Every structure is written in C-alpha cells, then in structure tokens.
Protein backbone atom coordinates (compact mmCIF):
# COMPACT_ATOMS: atom_id res chain seq x y z
CA MET A 1 0.00 0.00 0.00
CA SER A 2 2.80 2.46 0.87
CA ARG A 3 4.50 1.78 -2.48
CA ILE A 4 1.36 2.75 -4.34
CA ALA A 5 0.96 5.89 -2.21
CA GLY A 6 4.60 6.83 -2.80
CA ALA A 7 4.32 6.35 -6.55
CA ALA A 8 1.06 8.32 -6.63
CA GLY A 9 2.73 11.14 -4.69
CA VAL A 10 5.63 11.30 -7.14
CA ILE A 11 3.29 11.28 -10.13
CA LEU A 12 1.15 14.01 -8.54
CA LEU A 13 4.23 16.13 -7.89
CA LEU A 14 5.40 15.74 -11.49
CA VAL A 15 1.96 16.66 -12.84
CA LEU A 16 1.84 19.76 -10.62
CA ALA A 17 5.33 20.78 -11.78
CA MET A 18 4.31 20.41 -15.43
CA VAL A 19 1.13 22.43 -14.87
CA PHE A 20 3.13 25.17 -13.12
CA ALA A 21 5.65 25.27 -15.96
CA ALA A 22 2.92 25.39 -18.60
CA LEU A 23 0.97 28.18 -16.90
CA ASN A 24 4.01 30.34 -16.15
CA GLY A 25 6.18 29.61 -19.20
CA GLY A 26 5.80 33.09 -20.69
CA HIS A 27 6.28 35.13 -17.52
CA ARG A 28 9.65 36.78 -17.03
CA VAL A 29 11.12 38.36 -13.88
CA THR A 30 14.19 40.32 -12.83
CA LEU A 31 16.45 38.31 -10.56
CA ASP A 32 18.76 40.29 -8.25
CA LEU A 33 21.38 37.97 -6.75
CA GLY A 34 23.24 40.73 -4.89
CA TRP A 35 26.39 40.77 -6.99
CA ILE A 36 24.63 40.48 -10.36
CA THR A 37 21.18 41.32 -11.70
CA LEU A 38 19.61 39.10 -14.33
CA TYR A 39 16.78 40.50 -16.46
CA ARG A 40 13.94 38.60 -18.14
CA VAL A 41 14.56 35.27 -16.38
CA PRO A 42 11.67 32.79 -16.79
CA VAL A 43 9.66 32.21 -13.58
CA THR A 44 9.90 28.46 -14.04
CA PHE A 45 13.71 28.70 -14.06
CA VAL A 46 13.64 30.68 -10.82
CA ALA A 47 11.21 28.24 -9.16
CA PHE A 48 12.95 25.04 -10.21
CA GLY A 49 16.40 26.55 -9.64
CA GLY A 50 15.39 27.50 -6.10
CA LEU A 51 14.01 24.01 -5.53
CA PHE A 52 17.22 22.42 -6.81
CA LEU A 53 19.45 24.70 -4.71
CA GLY A 54 17.33 23.95 -1.62
CA MET A 55 17.71 20.22 -2.18
CA LEU A 56 21.47 20.65 -2.66
CA VAL A 57 21.81 22.61 0.59
CA MET A 58 19.80 19.98 2.47
CA LEU A 59 21.97 17.21 0.98
CA ILE A 60 25.15 18.94 2.12
CA ALA A 61 23.71 19.61 5.58
CA GLY A 62 22.51 16.00 5.80
CA VAL A 63 25.90 14.59 4.82
CA HIS A 64 27.61 16.79 7.41
CA THR A 65 25.19 15.66 10.13
CA ASP A 66 25.44 12.02 9.05
CA LEU A 67 29.24 12.09 9.21
CA ARG A 68 29.10 13.65 12.69
CA VAL A 69 26.68 10.97 13.95
CA ARG A 70 28.77 8.20 12.41
CA ASN A 71 31.88 9.58 14.15
CA ILE A 72 30.06 9.65 17.51
CA LEU A 73 28.87 6.06 17.02
CA ARG A 74 32.33 4.90 15.96
CA GLU A 75 33.88 6.44 19.10
CA ARG A 76 31.20 4.89 21.31
CA LEU A 77 31.72 1.46 19.74
CA ALA A 78 35.49 1.71 20.22
CA GLU A 79 34.98 2.70 23.88
CA GLU A 80 32.60 -0.21 24.47
CA ASP A 81 35.10 -2.56 22.80
CA ARG A 82 37.88 -1.35 25.12
CA GLU A 83 35.64 -1.80 28.17
CA GLU A 84 34.62 -5.28 27.09
CA LYS A 85 38.21 -6.36 26.50
CA GLY A 86 39.07 -5.04 29.96
CA ARG A 87 36.47 -7.29 31.58
CA VAL A 88 37.75 -10.83 32.05
CA ASP A 89 35.74 -13.35 34.05
CA THR A 90 38.28 -15.37 35.99
CA THR A 91 35.63 -17.45 37.79
CA GLN A 92 34.84 -19.67 34.81
CA HIS A 93 37.76 -22.08 34.97
CA ASP A 94 35.60 -25.07 34.08
CA LEU A 95 34.72 -23.58 30.69
CA PHE A 96 38.31 -22.92 29.69
CA PRO A 97 40.57 -25.82 30.58
CA THR A 98 44.20 -25.01 31.27
CA ASP A 99 47.19 -26.97 29.98
CA GLU A 100 47.47 -28.83 33.30
CA ASP A 101 43.85 -30.04 33.04
CA GLN A 102 44.43 -31.32 29.53
CA GLN A 103 47.58 -33.21 30.57
CA GLU A 104 45.77 -34.85 33.50
CA SER A 105 42.91 -36.03 31.30
CA ALA A 106 45.35 -37.58 28.83
CA TYR A 107 46.63 -40.10 31.41
C-alpha cells in the first residue's frame, strides 16, 4: 500500500510541476542575486532553480550531520570494545581448561 501511495505522490508532484511550468512559461522576472542582476529570467527557471538549490543545501547539511553521527557512534563502539576487553571473568575455569587439566585427562 505504501509503495502505491509513494508512486502516486511522485506522479502528482510531477503533474503539478508540469502544470506550473505550462501556466508560467511566458512570464519573465528580474532576478537580483546581490552581486549580479539578471533580467527577463523565466519564472519556471527561478522556481525550479530554487528548488534544486534547496535540495542541494539539504543534501550537504545532511551529509555533514550524518558524518558527525557516524563519528560519535564509531567512538562509542570503540569505547565499548575497550571496556569489554578489559572485563575478564576469571571465575569460569571449568569452561576454559588449562594446559594442566588437559595433561591430566590424557593419562
């Protein structure tokens, strides 16, 4: 069910994008970027360019956050590994026979 809903959502988004582009294809705007001013830029270019740049910024922010979380988890795993190696249960002699026990059982 969720696959169908996901596919329907993607198709709906594409249809809405095509309708937006068709209805605003002839409209032109002036785009002031601060260091340069662009005249007669299509509205669809501005809208889809802004969408693309927003997705790119979120990807970069997500990668940065993901790398930070992975580093934290890697450090925590290494610390737990060191703690576990430091714990040795010396009370379980019957589970781990020594060399003397093996020699006695051979006779």
